[in-house]
Amino acid sequence: MVGPVLPFDLFHELFSEFGNVFVTVVAVLCHFSAHDCTEVVVANSNLDAGITFQGCLTGGQAGLAHWKSAHPIYRSDDWHIERCKCVAGLYVAKAKI
């Protein structure tokens, strides 16, 4: 069953706000040998004004791959990105998961 269809003006009013929300891009990285996982804040809209919630959802994986390949610690093959998340608002990463 499909939910109700929103009129364009209401849809635009509700979802255009996501472009102005503070967004934090978080990666969960795991070490192969130690089975240790940690969260890392990769970027946020305070560091890069071009980051939007929708942009994070649609293009986040490519950005994370580029970030990982350039990072001095996590670029080695010993680390892999387990998952990523786009968080609306400020997010404080957990040291160990």
C-alpha atoms as a PDB file:
ATOM      1  CA  MET A   1       0.000   0.000   0.000  1.00  0.00           C
ATOM      2  CA  VAL A   2       1.331   3.426  -0.937  1.00  0.00           C
ATOM      3  CA  GLY A   3       0.973   6.310   1.500  1.00  0.00           C
ATOM      4  CA  PRO A   4      -0.776   9.547   0.673  1.00  0.00           C
ATOM      5  CA  VAL A   5       0.783  11.729  -1.995  1.00  0.00           C
ATOM      6  CA  LEU A   6       1.853  15.132  -0.711  1.00  0.00           C
ATOM      7  CA  PRO A   7       1.076  18.229  -2.744  1.00  0.00           C
ATOM      8  CA  PHE A   8       4.280  19.617  -4.289  1.00  0.00           C
ATOM      9  CA  ASP A   9       4.292  22.791  -2.146  1.00  0.00           C
ATOM     10  CA  LEU A  10       3.997  20.813   1.088  1.00  0.00           C
ATOM     11  CA  PHE A  11       6.607  18.261  -0.045  1.00  0.00           C
ATOM     12  CA  HIS A  12       9.029  21.062  -0.979  1.00  0.00           C
ATOM     13  CA  GLU A  13       8.396  22.880   2.301  1.00  0.00           C
ATOM     14  CA  LEU A  14       9.041  19.750   4.386  1.00  0.00           C
ATOM     15  CA  PHE A  15      12.070  18.367   2.588  1.00  0.00           C
ATOM     16  CA  SER A  16      13.881  21.502   1.428  1.00  0.00           C
ATOM     17  CA  GLU A  17      14.721  22.084   5.085  1.00  0.00           C
ATOM     18  CA  PHE A  18      17.137  19.116   4.960  1.00  0.00           C
ATOM     19  CA  GLY A  19      19.494  21.253   2.892  1.00  0.00           C
ATOM     20  CA  ASN A  20      19.886  23.644   5.852  1.00  0.00           C
ATOM     21  CA  VAL A  21      20.321  21.060   8.606  1.00  0.00           C
ATOM     22  CA  PHE A  22      23.702  20.601  10.258  1.00  0.00           C
ATOM     23  CA  VAL A  23      24.928  17.192   9.035  1.00  0.00           C
ATOM     24  CA  THR A  24      27.652  14.920  10.415  1.00  0.00           C
ATOM     25  CA  VAL A  25      29.154  12.158   8.259  1.00  0.00           C
ATOM     26  CA  VAL A  26      30.267   9.215  10.406  1.00  0.00           C
ATOM     27  CA  ALA A  27      32.213   6.123   9.327  1.00  0.00           C
ATOM     28  CA  VAL A  28      32.541   2.900  11.299  1.00  0.00           C
ATOM     29  CA  LEU A  29      35.986   1.458  10.582  1.00  0.00           C
ATOM     30  CA  CYS A  30      37.053  -2.023  11.630  1.00  0.00           C
ATOM     31  CA  HIS A  31      40.555  -3.470  11.868  1.00  0.00           C
ATOM     32  CA  PHE A  32      40.806  -6.906  10.240  1.00  0.00           C
ATOM     33  CA  SER A  33      43.215  -8.592  12.648  1.00  0.00           C
ATOM     34  CA  ALA A  34      42.038  -7.126  15.942  1.00  0.00           C
ATOM     35  CA  HIS A  35      38.294  -7.161  15.168  1.00  0.00           C
ATOM     36  CA  ASP A  36      38.256  -3.689  16.670  1.00  0.00           C
ATOM     37  CA  CYS A  37      35.750  -1.171  15.355  1.00  0.00           C
ATOM     38  CA  THR A  38      35.699   2.555  15.950  1.00  0.00           C
ATOM     39  CA  GLU A  39      33.549   5.458  14.831  1.00  0.00           C
ATOM     40  CA  VAL A  40      35.183   8.405  13.113  1.00  0.00           C
ATOM     41  CA  VAL A  41      33.568  11.719  12.255  1.00  0.00           C
ATOM     42  CA  VAL A  42      34.678  12.166   8.663  1.00  0.00           C
ATOM     43  CA  ALA A  43      33.166  15.593   8.038  1.00  0.00           C
ATOM     44  CA  ASN A  44      30.312  17.848   8.981  1.00  0.00           C
ATOM     45  CA  SER A  45      28.604  20.830   7.458  1.00  0.00           C
ATOM     46  CA  ASN A  46      30.575  23.141   9.743  1.00  0.00           C
ATOM     47  CA  LEU A  47      33.841  21.913   8.154  1.00  0.00           C
ATOM     48  CA  ASP A  48      32.407  21.781   4.631  1.00  0.00           C
ATOM     49  CA  ALA A  49      29.409  23.978   3.874  1.00  0.00           C
ATOM     50  CA  GLY A  50      28.689  21.889   0.753  1.00  0.00           C
ATOM     51  CA  ILE A  51      27.594  18.872   2.793  1.00  0.00           C
ATOM     52  CA  THR A  52      23.836  18.391   2.804  1.00  0.00           C
ATOM     53  CA  PHE A  53      21.768  15.590   4.246  1.00  0.00           C
ATOM     54  CA  GLN A  54      20.624  14.443   0.808  1.00  0.00           C
ATOM     55  CA  GLY A  55      24.143  14.719  -0.597  1.00  0.00           C
ATOM     56  CA  CYS A  56      25.460  12.585   2.236  1.00  0.00           C
ATOM     57  CA  LEU A  57      22.841   9.917   1.600  1.00  0.00           C
ATOM     58  CA  THR A  58      23.376   9.787  -2.153  1.00  0.00           C
ATOM     59  CA  GLY A  59      27.110  10.433  -2.487  1.00  0.00           C
ATOM     60  CA  GLY A  60      28.517   9.498   0.872  1.00  0.00           C
ATOM     61  CA  GLN A  61      30.094   6.184  -0.158  1.00  0.00           C
ATOM     62  CA  ALA A  62      32.255   7.735  -2.887  1.00  0.00           C
ATOM     63  CA  GLY A  63      33.377  10.500  -0.538  1.00  0.00           C
ATOM     64  CA  LEU A  64      34.246   7.970   2.160  1.00  0.00           C
ATOM     65  CA  ALA A  65      36.306   5.887  -0.251  1.00  0.00           C
ATOM     66  CA  HIS A  66      38.294   8.983  -1.210  1.00  0.00           C
ATOM     67  CA  TRP A  67      38.673  10.007   2.455  1.00  0.00           C
ATOM     68  CA  LYS A  68      39.900   6.520   3.450  1.00  0.00           C
ATOM     69  CA  SER A  69      42.468   6.382   0.653  1.00  0.00           C
ATOM     70  CA  ALA A  70      43.959   9.700   1.808  1.00  0.00           C
ATOM     71  CA  HIS A  71      43.864   9.101   5.582  1.00  0.00           C
ATOM     72  CA  PRO A  72      47.287   8.373   7.139  1.00  0.00           C
ATOM     73  CA  ILE A  73      45.986   5.677   9.520  1.00  0.00           C
ATOM     74  CA  TYR A  74      42.925   4.145   7.866  1.00  0.00           C
ATOM     75  CA  ARG A  75      44.205   3.977   4.259  1.00  0.00           C
ATOM     76  CA  SER A  76      45.965   0.650   4.851  1.00  0.00           C
ATOM     77  CA  ASP A  77      44.276  -2.590   3.834  1.00  0.00           C
ATOM     78  CA  ASP A  78      44.147  -3.539   7.525  1.00  0.00           C
ATOM     79  CA  TRP A  79      41.112  -1.263   7.909  1.00  0.00           C
ATOM     80  CA  HIS A  80      37.770  -1.439   6.149  1.00  0.00           C
ATOM     81  CA  ILE A  81      34.658   0.721   6.270  1.00  0.00           C
ATOM     82  CA  GLU A  82      32.007  -1.388   7.934  1.00  0.00           C
ATOM     83  CA  ARG A  83      29.235   1.177   7.477  1.00  0.00           C
ATOM     84  CA  CYS A  84      28.564   4.870   7.335  1.00  0.00           C
ATOM     85  CA  LYS A  85      25.800   7.088   8.534  1.00  0.00           C
ATOM     86  CA  CYS A  86      24.542  10.574   7.926  1.00  0.00           C
ATOM     87  CA  VAL A  87      23.435  12.165  11.175  1.00  0.00           C
ATOM     88  CA  ALA A  88      21.286  15.274  11.353  1.00  0.00           C
ATOM     89  CA  GLY A  89      22.938  17.497  13.920  1.00  0.00           C
ATOM     90  CA  LEU A  90      26.183  17.322  15.824  1.00  0.00           C
ATOM     91  CA  TYR A  91      27.414  13.792  16.549  1.00  0.00           C
ATOM     92  CA  VAL A  92      30.170  12.726  18.922  1.00  0.00           C
ATOM     93  CA  ALA A  93      31.875   9.541  17.728  1.00  0.00           C
ATOM     94  CA  LYS A  94      32.237   6.572  20.061  1.00  0.00           C
ATOM     95  CA  ALA A  95      35.831   5.465  20.537  1.00  0.00           C
ATOM     96  CA  LYS A  96      35.091   1.715  20.412  1.00  0.00           C
ATOM     97  CA  ILE A  97      32.033  -0.143  19.248  1.00  0.00           C
END
